[in-house]
């Protein structure tokens, strides 16, 4: 691989991000196959001192390397991620992990983003699945990242209460598939399994 100057690469990256988003990368490596590796990424916002996401690495794979034509320019692969709940959004006021061991592949398209091979862990619950995210319409007014984070953590607080229903099962695993039907409608399929269920007659 070829190392890239971190200060220069961080400045270039910051210029491509929303103004309120802060992304700091420890090192940049250009591999011979054209993939760019971002080591130890850490993400926060201008109004949050605490990071809400960290990972071991992000790999940016140029779409021109693929054999089939594609309308998107790159794929992202994230490994060893941790999503934190900042203390300002946390019910107990602590900055602590919400999801750990996160990995997935992100494949953007013209109208939506595909997140494939997603895996993560929430306490003793493992998560696996795929999902789609619809890109906002160009005419829609921009939403601040802080507002999006607040809405996200409010929803995860509700889901965490639902997760208590399966916490008595041994190492439960949740498999999910979320598909976007339109801007106002999504389809979510869930399957929950546990070794304890398999042992029950």
N, C-alpha and C. Protein backbone atom coordinates (compact mmCIF):
# COMPACT_ATOMS: atom_id res chain seq x y z
N UNK A 1 0.84 -1.20 0.00
CA UNK A 1 0.00 0.00 0.00
C UNK A 1 0.88 1.25 0.00
N UNK A 2 0.24 2.37 -0.36
CA UNK A 2 0.94 3.66 -0.36
C UNK A 2 0.29 4.56 0.69
N UNK A 3 1.00 4.99 1.73
CA UNK A 3 0.41 5.88 2.72
C UNK A 3 0.16 7.27 2.14
N UNK A 4 -0.96 7.88 2.53
CA UNK A 4 -1.28 9.23 2.10
C UNK A 4 -1.12 10.18 3.28
N UNK A 5 -0.71 11.43 3.06
CA UNK A 5 -0.55 12.40 4.16
C UNK A 5 -1.88 12.61 4.89
N UNK A 6 -1.90 12.34 6.18
CA UNK A 6 -3.15 12.37 6.94
C UNK A 6 -3.77 13.76 7.01
N UNK A 7 -2.93 14.79 7.26
CA UNK A 7 -3.48 16.15 7.38
C UNK A 7 -4.13 16.59 6.07
N UNK A 8 -3.45 16.33 4.98
CA UNK A 8 -3.98 16.70 3.66
C UNK A 8 -5.26 15.93 3.35
N UNK A 9 -5.26 14.62 3.59
CA UNK A 9 -6.42 13.79 3.28
C UNK A 9 -7.61 14.15 4.16
N UNK A 10 -7.37 14.46 5.43
CA UNK A 10 -8.47 14.87 6.32
C UNK A 10 -9.09 16.18 5.86
N UNK A 11 -8.28 17.11 5.36
CA UNK A 11 -8.81 18.37 4.86
C UNK A 11 -9.66 18.15 3.60
N UNK A 12 -9.19 17.29 2.71
CA UNK A 12 -9.94 16.98 1.50
C UNK A 12 -11.27 16.31 1.86
N UNK A 13 -11.22 15.39 2.82
CA UNK A 13 -12.43 14.68 3.23
C UNK A 13 -13.42 15.62 3.90
N UNK A 14 -12.94 16.52 4.75
CA UNK A 14 -13.81 17.45 5.46
C UNK A 14 -14.56 18.37 4.48
N UNK A 15 -13.91 18.71 3.37
CA UNK A 15 -14.54 19.59 2.38
C UNK A 15 -15.72 18.92 1.67
N UNK A 16 -15.78 17.57 1.71
CA UNK A 16 -16.85 16.85 1.05
C UNK A 16 -18.01 16.52 1.98
N UNK A 17 -17.86 16.79 3.26
CA UNK A 17 -18.87 16.42 4.26
C UNK A 17 -19.77 17.60 4.59
N UNK A 18 -20.97 17.32 5.14
CA UNK A 18 -21.80 18.42 5.65
C UNK A 18 -21.03 19.24 6.68
N UNK A 19 -21.30 20.52 6.72
CA UNK A 19 -20.51 21.44 7.55
C UNK A 19 -20.51 21.06 9.02
N UNK A 20 -21.62 20.53 9.51
CA UNK A 20 -21.72 20.23 10.95
C UNK A 20 -21.16 18.87 11.33
N UNK A 21 -20.75 18.06 10.34
CA UNK A 21 -20.22 16.73 10.62
C UNK A 21 -18.70 16.77 10.71
N UNK A 22 -18.16 16.11 11.73
CA UNK A 22 -16.72 16.04 11.93
C UNK A 22 -16.27 14.58 11.83
N UNK A 23 -15.36 14.31 10.90
CA UNK A 23 -14.82 12.96 10.72
C UNK A 23 -13.31 13.04 10.76
N UNK A 24 -12.71 12.36 11.72
CA UNK A 24 -11.26 12.36 11.87
C UNK A 24 -10.72 10.96 11.58
N UNK A 25 -9.73 10.89 10.71
CA UNK A 25 -9.12 9.62 10.31
C UNK A 25 -7.68 9.59 10.79
N UNK A 26 -7.27 8.46 11.36
CA UNK A 26 -5.90 8.36 11.87
C UNK A 26 -4.89 8.24 10.73
N UNK A 27 -5.19 7.39 9.73
CA UNK A 27 -4.26 7.23 8.60
C UNK A 27 -5.03 6.81 7.35
N UNK A 28 -4.43 7.12 6.20
CA UNK A 28 -5.02 6.79 4.90
C UNK A 28 -4.03 5.93 4.13
N UNK A 29 -4.55 4.86 3.51
CA UNK A 29 -3.69 3.98 2.74
C UNK A 29 -4.33 3.70 1.39
N UNK A 30 -3.56 3.86 0.34
CA UNK A 30 -4.01 3.53 -1.00
C UNK A 30 -3.42 2.17 -1.37
N UNK A 31 -4.30 1.16 -1.54
CA UNK A 31 -3.85 -0.18 -1.87
C UNK A 31 -3.69 -0.33 -3.39
N UNK A 32 -2.93 -1.31 -3.79
CA UNK A 32 -2.61 -1.49 -5.20
C UNK A 32 -3.85 -1.84 -6.04
N UNK A 33 -4.88 -2.40 -5.42
CA UNK A 33 -6.11 -2.72 -6.16
C UNK A 33 -7.03 -1.52 -6.32
N UNK A 34 -6.60 -0.35 -5.84
CA UNK A 34 -7.40 0.87 -5.98
C UNK A 34 -8.25 1.19 -4.78
N UNK A 35 -8.29 0.31 -3.79
CA UNK A 35 -9.08 0.55 -2.59
C UNK A 35 -8.35 1.53 -1.66
N UNK A 36 -9.10 2.45 -1.08
CA UNK A 36 -8.55 3.38 -0.10
C UNK A 36 -9.00 2.94 1.28
N UNK A 37 -8.07 2.74 2.18
CA UNK A 37 -8.38 2.32 3.55
C UNK A 37 -8.24 3.51 4.51
N UNK A 38 -9.31 3.78 5.26
CA UNK A 38 -9.30 4.81 6.29
C UNK A 38 -9.21 4.11 7.64
N UNK A 39 -8.14 4.36 8.36
CA UNK A 39 -7.92 3.67 9.63
C UNK A 39 -8.42 4.50 10.81
N UNK A 40 -9.05 3.80 11.76
CA UNK A 40 -9.52 4.39 13.01
C UNK A 40 -10.37 5.64 12.80
N UNK A 41 -11.42 5.58 11.97
CA UNK A 41 -12.29 6.74 11.80
C UNK A 41 -13.09 7.03 13.07
N UNK A 42 -13.30 8.31 13.34
CA UNK A 42 -14.09 8.75 14.49
C UNK A 42 -15.00 9.88 14.04
N UNK A 43 -16.29 9.77 14.37
CA UNK A 43 -17.27 10.71 13.87
C UNK A 43 -18.00 11.39 15.02
N UNK A 44 -18.18 12.70 14.87
CA UNK A 44 -18.93 13.51 15.83
C UNK A 44 -19.56 14.67 15.07
N UNK A 45 -20.30 15.53 15.76
CA UNK A 45 -20.84 16.72 15.12
C UNK A 45 -20.24 17.96 15.77
N UNK A 46 -20.49 19.11 15.15
CA UNK A 46 -19.95 20.36 15.67
C UNK A 46 -20.49 20.68 17.05
N UNK A 47 -21.68 20.16 17.37
CA UNK A 47 -22.31 20.45 18.65
C UNK A 47 -22.13 19.33 19.68
N UNK A 48 -21.41 18.28 19.30
CA UNK A 48 -21.19 17.16 20.21
C UNK A 48 -19.70 16.96 20.43
N UNK A 49 -19.26 17.04 21.68
CA UNK A 49 -17.86 16.79 21.98
C UNK A 49 -17.54 15.29 21.93
N UNK A 50 -18.54 14.46 22.19
CA UNK A 50 -18.32 13.02 22.24
C UNK A 50 -18.58 12.39 20.88
N UNK A 51 -17.73 11.44 20.51
CA UNK A 51 -17.92 10.73 19.24
C UNK A 51 -19.16 9.85 19.34
N UNK A 52 -19.91 9.78 18.24
CA UNK A 52 -21.05 8.86 18.22
C UNK A 52 -20.74 7.62 17.39
N UNK A 53 -19.62 7.62 16.68
CA UNK A 53 -19.24 6.42 15.93
C UNK A 53 -17.72 6.32 15.82
N UNK A 54 -17.22 5.10 16.01
CA UNK A 54 -15.82 4.78 15.78
C UNK A 54 -15.75 3.43 15.09
N UNK A 55 -14.66 3.20 14.37
CA UNK A 55 -14.49 1.92 13.68
C UNK A 55 -13.01 1.60 13.56
N UNK A 56 -12.73 0.33 13.28
CA UNK A 56 -11.34 -0.04 13.01
C UNK A 56 -10.91 0.49 11.65
N UNK A 57 -11.80 0.35 10.67
CA UNK A 57 -11.43 0.79 9.32
C UNK A 57 -12.65 0.99 8.45
N UNK A 58 -12.48 1.82 7.44
CA UNK A 58 -13.43 1.98 6.35
C UNK A 58 -12.66 1.77 5.05
N UNK A 59 -13.19 0.90 4.19
CA UNK A 59 -12.57 0.67 2.89
C UNK A 59 -13.47 1.28 1.82
N UNK A 60 -12.88 2.11 0.97
CA UNK A 60 -13.61 2.72 -0.15
C UNK A 60 -13.15 2.01 -1.42
N UNK A 61 -14.11 1.33 -2.04
CA UNK A 61 -13.82 0.57 -3.26
C UNK A 61 -14.45 1.28 -4.44
N UNK A 62 -13.65 1.69 -5.40
CA UNK A 62 -14.17 2.36 -6.58
C UNK A 62 -15.00 1.40 -7.42
N UNK A 63 -16.16 1.87 -7.90
CA UNK A 63 -17.07 1.01 -8.67
C UNK A 63 -16.49 0.62 -10.01
N UNK A 64 -15.51 1.39 -10.53
CA UNK A 64 -14.93 1.04 -11.83
C UNK A 64 -14.14 -0.25 -11.78
N UNK A 65 -13.86 -0.73 -10.57
CA UNK A 65 -13.18 -2.01 -10.44
C UNK A 65 -14.12 -3.18 -10.69
N UNK A 66 -15.43 -2.95 -10.64
CA UNK A 66 -16.40 -4.03 -10.82
C UNK A 66 -16.54 -4.36 -12.30
N UNK A 67 -16.86 -5.61 -12.58
CA UNK A 67 -16.94 -6.05 -13.97
C UNK A 67 -18.22 -5.59 -14.63
N UNK A 68 -19.30 -5.36 -13.87
CA UNK A 68 -20.57 -4.94 -14.45
C UNK A 68 -20.71 -3.43 -14.35
N UNK A 69 -21.33 -2.79 -15.37
CA UNK A 69 -21.56 -1.34 -15.29
C UNK A 69 -22.40 -0.98 -14.06
N UNK A 70 -22.14 0.17 -13.49
CA UNK A 70 -22.86 0.58 -12.28
C UNK A 70 -23.07 2.09 -12.32
N UNK A 71 -24.22 2.53 -11.76
CA UNK A 71 -24.49 3.96 -11.73
C UNK A 71 -23.90 4.62 -10.50
N UNK A 72 -23.36 3.86 -9.55
CA UNK A 72 -22.72 4.46 -8.39
C UNK A 72 -21.21 4.41 -8.55
N UNK A 73 -20.52 5.30 -7.86
CA UNK A 73 -19.09 5.48 -8.06
C UNK A 73 -18.23 4.69 -7.08
N UNK A 74 -18.81 4.25 -5.96
CA UNK A 74 -17.99 3.59 -4.96
C UNK A 74 -18.85 2.71 -4.05
N UNK A 75 -18.20 1.80 -3.37
CA UNK A 75 -18.78 1.03 -2.28
C UNK A 75 -17.97 1.33 -1.02
N UNK A 76 -18.63 1.25 0.12
CA UNK A 76 -17.95 1.39 1.40
C UNK A 76 -18.07 0.09 2.18
N UNK A 77 -16.99 -0.30 2.82
CA UNK A 77 -17.03 -1.45 3.71
C UNK A 77 -16.50 -1.01 5.07
N UNK A 78 -17.33 -1.16 6.09
CA UNK A 78 -16.96 -0.73 7.44
C UNK A 78 -16.77 -1.97 8.31
N UNK A 79 -15.70 -1.98 9.09
CA UNK A 79 -15.38 -3.12 9.94
C UNK A 79 -15.03 -2.64 11.34
N UNK A 80 -15.43 -3.45 12.33
CA UNK A 80 -15.07 -3.16 13.72
C UNK A 80 -15.65 -1.87 14.25
N UNK A 81 -16.90 -1.60 13.91
CA UNK A 81 -17.52 -0.33 14.31
C UNK A 81 -18.21 -0.39 15.66
N UNK A 82 -18.30 0.76 16.30
CA UNK A 82 -19.07 0.92 17.53
C UNK A 82 -19.89 2.19 17.42
N UNK A 83 -21.19 2.05 17.61
CA UNK A 83 -22.08 3.21 17.63
C UNK A 83 -22.38 3.55 19.09
N UNK A 84 -22.05 4.77 19.49
CA UNK A 84 -22.22 5.20 20.87
C UNK A 84 -23.49 6.04 21.01
N UNK A 85 -24.05 6.02 22.20
CA UNK A 85 -25.09 6.97 22.57
C UNK A 85 -24.43 8.11 23.33
N UNK A 86 -24.34 9.30 22.76
CA UNK A 86 -23.77 10.43 23.50
C UNK A 86 -24.59 10.71 24.76
N UNK A 87 -23.94 11.23 25.77
CA UNK A 87 -24.61 11.42 27.06
C UNK A 87 -25.84 12.31 26.95
N UNK A 88 -25.84 13.26 26.01
CA UNK A 88 -26.97 14.16 25.88
C UNK A 88 -28.22 13.42 25.40
N UNK A 89 -28.04 12.27 24.74
CA UNK A 89 -29.17 11.48 24.24
C UNK A 89 -29.43 10.24 25.08
N UNK A 90 -28.58 9.98 26.06
CA UNK A 90 -28.66 8.74 26.84
C UNK A 90 -29.64 8.87 28.00
N UNK A 91 -30.50 7.86 28.21
CA UNK A 91 -31.44 7.90 29.34
C UNK A 91 -30.75 8.01 30.69
N UNK A 92 -29.54 7.41 30.82
CA UNK A 92 -28.82 7.47 32.10
C UNK A 92 -27.74 8.54 32.12
N UNK A 93 -27.64 9.33 31.05
CA UNK A 93 -26.67 10.42 31.00
C UNK A 93 -25.24 10.00 30.77
N UNK A 94 -25.03 8.74 30.34
CA UNK A 94 -23.68 8.23 30.12
C UNK A 94 -23.39 8.08 28.63
N UNK A 95 -22.14 8.30 28.27
CA UNK A 95 -21.68 8.06 26.91
C UNK A 95 -21.23 6.61 26.84
N UNK A 96 -22.04 5.76 26.19
CA UNK A 96 -21.76 4.33 26.22
C UNK A 96 -22.14 3.67 24.90
N UNK A 97 -21.58 2.48 24.63
CA UNK A 97 -21.87 1.80 23.36
C UNK A 97 -23.34 1.40 23.26
N UNK A 98 -23.88 1.57 22.08
CA UNK A 98 -25.24 1.10 21.78
C UNK A 98 -25.17 -0.16 20.94
N UNK A 99 -24.36 -0.12 19.86
CA UNK A 99 -24.11 -1.30 19.03
C UNK A 99 -22.60 -1.46 18.90
N UNK A 100 -22.14 -2.71 19.02
CA UNK A 100 -20.71 -3.00 18.90
C UNK A 100 -20.48 -4.04 17.81
N UNK A 101 -19.22 -4.22 17.44
CA UNK A 101 -18.83 -5.20 16.41
C UNK A 101 -19.61 -4.98 15.11
N UNK A 102 -19.76 -3.73 14.72
CA UNK A 102 -20.54 -3.40 13.53
C UNK A 102 -19.69 -3.62 12.28
N UNK A 103 -20.29 -4.28 11.31
CA UNK A 103 -19.67 -4.37 9.98
C UNK A 103 -20.77 -4.40 8.94
N UNK A 104 -20.53 -3.79 7.81
CA UNK A 104 -21.49 -3.81 6.71
C UNK A 104 -20.85 -3.26 5.45
N UNK A 105 -21.51 -3.50 4.34
CA UNK A 105 -21.11 -2.93 3.05
C UNK A 105 -22.18 -1.96 2.61
N UNK A 106 -21.79 -0.77 2.23
CA UNK A 106 -22.73 0.27 1.80
C UNK A 106 -22.58 0.48 0.29
N UNK A 107 -23.72 0.38 -0.41
CA UNK A 107 -23.71 0.50 -1.87
C UNK A 107 -24.73 1.56 -2.29
N UNK A 108 -24.30 2.76 -2.57
CA UNK A 108 -25.23 3.82 -2.96
C UNK A 108 -25.69 3.68 -4.41
N UNK A 109 -26.93 4.04 -4.65
CA UNK A 109 -27.47 4.11 -5.99
C UNK A 109 -28.12 5.48 -6.18
N UNK A 110 -28.77 5.67 -7.31
CA UNK A 110 -29.28 6.99 -7.65
C UNK A 110 -30.34 7.49 -6.67
N UNK A 111 -31.27 6.62 -6.26
CA UNK A 111 -32.38 7.05 -5.41
C UNK A 111 -32.34 6.46 -4.01
N UNK A 112 -31.49 5.48 -3.77
CA UNK A 112 -31.46 4.84 -2.46
C UNK A 112 -30.07 4.31 -2.14
N UNK A 113 -29.89 3.94 -0.90
CA UNK A 113 -28.63 3.37 -0.44
C UNK A 113 -28.90 1.97 0.09
N UNK A 114 -28.13 1.00 -0.36
CA UNK A 114 -28.26 -0.37 0.11
C UNK A 114 -27.18 -0.65 1.16
N UNK A 115 -27.61 -1.20 2.28
CA UNK A 115 -26.68 -1.63 3.32
C UNK A 115 -26.77 -3.15 3.40
N UNK A 116 -25.69 -3.81 3.02
CA UNK A 116 -25.68 -5.26 2.89
C UNK A 116 -24.72 -5.89 3.88
N UNK A 117 -24.96 -7.18 4.17
CA UNK A 117 -24.08 -7.95 5.07
C UNK A 117 -23.91 -7.24 6.41
N UNK A 118 -24.99 -6.65 6.92
CA UNK A 118 -24.92 -5.92 8.19
C UNK A 118 -24.85 -6.91 9.34
N UNK A 119 -23.96 -6.66 10.27
CA UNK A 119 -23.91 -7.44 11.51
C UNK A 119 -23.48 -6.52 12.64
N UNK A 120 -24.02 -6.79 13.82
CA UNK A 120 -23.70 -5.97 14.99
C UNK A 120 -24.16 -6.73 16.23
N UNK A 121 -23.81 -6.16 17.38
CA UNK A 121 -24.22 -6.75 18.65
C UNK A 121 -24.73 -5.65 19.58
N UNK A 122 -25.89 -5.88 20.17
CA UNK A 122 -26.45 -5.00 21.20
C UNK A 122 -26.55 -5.81 22.48
N UNK A 123 -25.62 -5.54 23.41
CA UNK A 123 -25.53 -6.33 24.64
C UNK A 123 -25.36 -7.80 24.25
N UNK A 124 -26.33 -8.68 24.59
CA UNK A 124 -26.20 -10.10 24.25
C UNK A 124 -26.97 -10.47 23.00
N UNK A 125 -27.54 -9.50 22.31
CA UNK A 125 -28.34 -9.76 21.12
C UNK A 125 -27.49 -9.50 19.88
N UNK A 126 -27.40 -10.49 19.00
CA UNK A 126 -26.69 -10.30 17.74
C UNK A 126 -27.68 -9.94 16.64
N UNK A 127 -27.25 -9.09 15.73
CA UNK A 127 -28.10 -8.60 14.65
C UNK A 127 -27.46 -8.92 13.31
N UNK A 128 -28.28 -9.37 12.36
CA UNK A 128 -27.83 -9.64 11.00
C UNK A 128 -28.92 -9.19 10.05
N UNK A 129 -28.52 -8.62 8.91
CA UNK A 129 -29.57 -8.28 7.97
C UNK A 129 -29.11 -7.39 6.84
N UNK A 130 -30.10 -6.93 6.06
CA UNK A 130 -29.89 -6.00 4.96
C UNK A 130 -30.99 -4.95 5.03
N UNK A 131 -30.71 -3.76 4.56
CA UNK A 131 -31.72 -2.71 4.57
C UNK A 131 -31.46 -1.71 3.46
N UNK A 132 -32.50 -0.96 3.15
CA UNK A 132 -32.44 0.10 2.16
C UNK A 132 -32.78 1.42 2.83
N UNK A 133 -32.13 2.48 2.39
CA UNK A 133 -32.45 3.83 2.86
C UNK A 133 -32.72 4.68 1.63
N UNK A 134 -33.87 5.31 1.60
CA UNK A 134 -34.22 6.15 0.47
C UNK A 134 -33.52 7.50 0.61
N UNK A 135 -32.89 7.96 -0.44
CA UNK A 135 -32.24 9.27 -0.42
C UNK A 135 -33.30 10.37 -0.38
N UNK A 136 -33.06 11.45 0.35
CA UNK A 136 -34.04 12.54 0.38
C UNK A 136 -34.22 13.17 -0.99
N UNK A 137 -35.44 13.61 -1.26
CA UNK A 137 -35.70 14.29 -2.53
C UNK A 137 -34.92 15.60 -2.57
N UNK A 138 -34.46 15.96 -3.75
CA UNK A 138 -33.63 17.15 -3.89
C UNK A 138 -34.36 18.42 -3.49
N UNK A 139 -35.71 18.42 -3.63
CA UNK A 139 -36.48 19.60 -3.29
C UNK A 139 -36.76 19.70 -1.79
N UNK A 140 -36.51 18.61 -1.06
CA UNK A 140 -36.79 18.61 0.37
C UNK A 140 -35.80 19.49 1.11
N UNK A 141 -36.26 20.25 2.12
CA UNK A 141 -35.32 21.09 2.89
C UNK A 141 -34.35 20.21 3.67
N UNK A 142 -33.09 20.60 3.76
CA UNK A 142 -32.11 19.77 4.48
C UNK A 142 -32.42 19.69 5.96
N UNK A 143 -32.17 18.51 6.53
CA UNK A 143 -32.38 18.29 7.96
C UNK A 143 -31.02 18.24 8.64
N UNK A 144 -30.90 18.92 9.76
CA UNK A 144 -29.61 18.95 10.45
C UNK A 144 -29.25 17.56 10.97
N UNK A 145 -27.96 17.29 11.03
CA UNK A 145 -27.49 15.99 11.51
C UNK A 145 -27.86 15.80 12.97
N UNK A 146 -27.80 16.87 13.76
CA UNK A 146 -28.18 16.76 15.17
C UNK A 146 -29.65 16.35 15.31
N UNK A 147 -30.52 16.87 14.45
CA UNK A 147 -31.94 16.50 14.49
C UNK A 147 -32.13 15.04 14.10
N UNK A 148 -31.36 14.60 13.09
CA UNK A 148 -31.45 13.19 12.67
C UNK A 148 -30.96 12.26 13.79
N UNK A 149 -29.88 12.64 14.45
CA UNK A 149 -29.37 11.83 15.56
C UNK A 149 -30.37 11.78 16.71
N UNK A 150 -30.97 12.91 17.03
CA UNK A 150 -31.95 12.94 18.12
C UNK A 150 -33.12 12.01 17.82
N UNK A 151 -33.63 12.06 16.58
CA UNK A 151 -34.74 11.19 16.19
C UNK A 151 -34.31 9.73 16.23
N UNK A 152 -33.09 9.45 15.78
CA UNK A 152 -32.59 8.08 15.78
C UNK A 152 -32.51 7.51 17.20
N UNK A 153 -31.93 8.28 18.12
CA UNK A 153 -31.77 7.78 19.49
C UNK A 153 -33.11 7.68 20.22
N UNK A 154 -34.06 8.50 19.87
CA UNK A 154 -35.40 8.36 20.43
C UNK A 154 -36.03 7.04 20.00
N UNK A 155 -35.83 6.69 18.73
CA UNK A 155 -36.37 5.42 18.23
C UNK A 155 -35.66 4.22 18.84
N UNK A 156 -34.33 4.31 18.97
CA UNK A 156 -33.60 3.18 19.54
C UNK A 156 -33.94 2.99 21.01
N UNK A 157 -34.31 4.06 21.72
CA UNK A 157 -34.73 3.93 23.11
C UNK A 157 -36.01 3.11 23.20
N UNK A 158 -36.90 3.33 22.24
CA UNK A 158 -38.15 2.56 22.20
C UNK A 158 -37.85 1.10 21.86
N UNK A 159 -36.97 0.88 20.88
CA UNK A 159 -36.63 -0.49 20.49
C UNK A 159 -35.89 -1.23 21.60
N UNK A 160 -35.09 -0.51 22.39
CA UNK A 160 -34.37 -1.15 23.49
C UNK A 160 -35.35 -1.71 24.53
N UNK A 161 -36.46 -1.01 24.72
CA UNK A 161 -37.48 -1.52 25.65
C UNK A 161 -38.11 -2.79 25.09
N UNK A 162 -38.30 -2.84 23.76
CA UNK A 162 -38.85 -4.04 23.15
C UNK A 162 -37.85 -5.20 23.23
N UNK A 163 -36.56 -4.87 23.19
CA UNK A 163 -35.54 -5.92 23.25
C UNK A 163 -35.58 -6.66 24.58
N UNK A 164 -36.09 -6.01 25.62
CA UNK A 164 -36.19 -6.67 26.93
C UNK A 164 -37.07 -7.90 26.88
N UNK A 165 -37.94 -8.00 25.89
CA UNK A 165 -38.83 -9.15 25.77
C UNK A 165 -38.09 -10.43 25.43
N UNK A 166 -36.90 -10.31 24.82
CA UNK A 166 -36.16 -11.51 24.44
C UNK A 166 -34.87 -11.67 25.22
N UNK A 167 -34.66 -10.84 26.24
CA UNK A 167 -33.38 -10.89 26.95
C UNK A 167 -33.23 -12.16 27.77
N UNK A 168 -34.34 -12.86 28.07
CA UNK A 168 -34.25 -14.09 28.85
C UNK A 168 -33.85 -15.30 28.01
N UNK A 169 -33.83 -15.14 26.69
CA UNK A 169 -33.42 -16.23 25.83
C UNK A 169 -31.90 -16.24 25.70
N UNK A 170 -31.36 -17.42 25.52
CA UNK A 170 -29.91 -17.58 25.46
C UNK A 170 -29.38 -17.09 24.11
N UNK A 171 -28.44 -16.14 24.14
CA UNK A 171 -27.79 -15.57 22.95
C UNK A 171 -28.75 -15.42 21.77
N UNK A 172 -29.78 -14.59 21.92
CA UNK A 172 -30.74 -14.42 20.83
C UNK A 172 -30.10 -13.74 19.61
N UNK A 173 -30.59 -14.10 18.44
CA UNK A 173 -30.12 -13.51 17.19
C UNK A 173 -31.33 -12.98 16.43
N UNK A 174 -31.19 -11.76 15.93
CA UNK A 174 -32.26 -11.12 15.16
C UNK A 174 -31.80 -10.97 13.72
N UNK A 175 -32.59 -11.51 12.81
CA UNK A 175 -32.33 -11.39 11.38
C UNK A 175 -33.40 -10.48 10.79
N UNK A 176 -32.99 -9.49 10.01
CA UNK A 176 -33.97 -8.52 9.50
C UNK A 176 -33.70 -8.19 8.04
N UNK A 177 -34.76 -7.75 7.39
CA UNK A 177 -34.69 -7.27 6.01
C UNK A 177 -35.65 -6.11 5.88
N UNK A 178 -35.11 -4.93 5.61
CA UNK A 178 -35.95 -3.74 5.47
C UNK A 178 -35.89 -3.24 4.04
N UNK A 179 -37.06 -3.08 3.44
CA UNK A 179 -37.16 -2.62 2.06
C UNK A 179 -37.99 -1.35 2.01
N UNK A 180 -37.53 -0.38 1.27
CA UNK A 180 -38.26 0.88 1.10
C UNK A 180 -39.24 0.73 -0.05
N UNK A 181 -40.52 0.99 0.23
CA UNK A 181 -41.54 0.94 -0.80
C UNK A 181 -41.76 2.32 -1.41
N UNK A 182 -41.78 3.36 -0.57
CA UNK A 182 -41.78 4.74 -1.03
C UNK A 182 -41.35 5.61 0.15
N UNK A 183 -41.45 6.94 0.01
CA UNK A 183 -40.95 7.84 1.06
C UNK A 183 -41.70 7.69 2.37
N UNK A 184 -42.93 7.19 2.32
CA UNK A 184 -43.74 7.10 3.53
C UNK A 184 -44.00 5.67 3.99
N UNK A 185 -43.46 4.68 3.27
CA UNK A 185 -43.79 3.29 3.58
C UNK A 185 -42.56 2.41 3.47
N UNK A 186 -42.34 1.61 4.52
CA UNK A 186 -41.24 0.67 4.54
C UNK A 186 -41.75 -0.71 4.94
N UNK A 187 -41.10 -1.73 4.46
CA UNK A 187 -41.45 -3.10 4.82
C UNK A 187 -40.31 -3.71 5.60
N UNK A 188 -40.61 -4.24 6.79
CA UNK A 188 -39.59 -4.81 7.66
C UNK A 188 -39.97 -6.25 8.00
N UNK A 189 -39.10 -7.18 7.67
CA UNK A 189 -39.26 -8.59 8.01
C UNK A 189 -38.26 -8.94 9.10
N UNK A 190 -38.75 -9.59 10.17
CA UNK A 190 -37.90 -9.95 11.31
C UNK A 190 -38.00 -11.44 11.59
N UNK A 191 -36.87 -12.01 11.97
CA UNK A 191 -36.85 -13.40 12.43
C UNK A 191 -35.93 -13.47 13.65
N UNK A 192 -36.41 -14.04 14.73
CA UNK A 192 -35.65 -14.14 15.97
C UNK A 192 -35.40 -15.61 16.27
N UNK A 193 -34.16 -15.93 16.57
CA UNK A 193 -33.81 -17.31 16.89
C UNK A 193 -32.96 -17.34 18.15
N UNK A 194 -32.93 -18.52 18.78
CA UNK A 194 -32.14 -18.70 19.99
C UNK A 194 -31.90 -20.18 20.21
N UNK A 195 -30.72 -20.57 20.68
CA UNK A 195 -30.50 -21.98 20.99
C UNK A 195 -31.51 -22.52 22.00
N UNK A 196 -31.99 -21.68 22.90
CA UNK A 196 -32.96 -22.12 23.90
C UNK A 196 -34.26 -22.53 23.24
N UNK A 197 -34.67 -21.77 22.22
CA UNK A 197 -35.88 -22.15 21.50
C UNK A 197 -35.72 -23.51 20.82
N UNK A 198 -34.53 -23.74 20.27
CA UNK A 198 -34.31 -25.00 19.56
C UNK A 198 -34.35 -26.20 20.49
N UNK A 199 -34.06 -25.98 21.78
CA UNK A 199 -34.07 -27.08 22.73
C UNK A 199 -35.44 -27.30 23.33
N UNK A 200 -36.37 -26.40 23.08
CA UNK A 200 -37.71 -26.52 23.65
C UNK A 200 -38.56 -27.43 22.77
N UNK A 201 -39.21 -28.49 23.33
CA UNK A 201 -40.03 -29.38 22.52
C UNK A 201 -41.21 -28.63 21.89
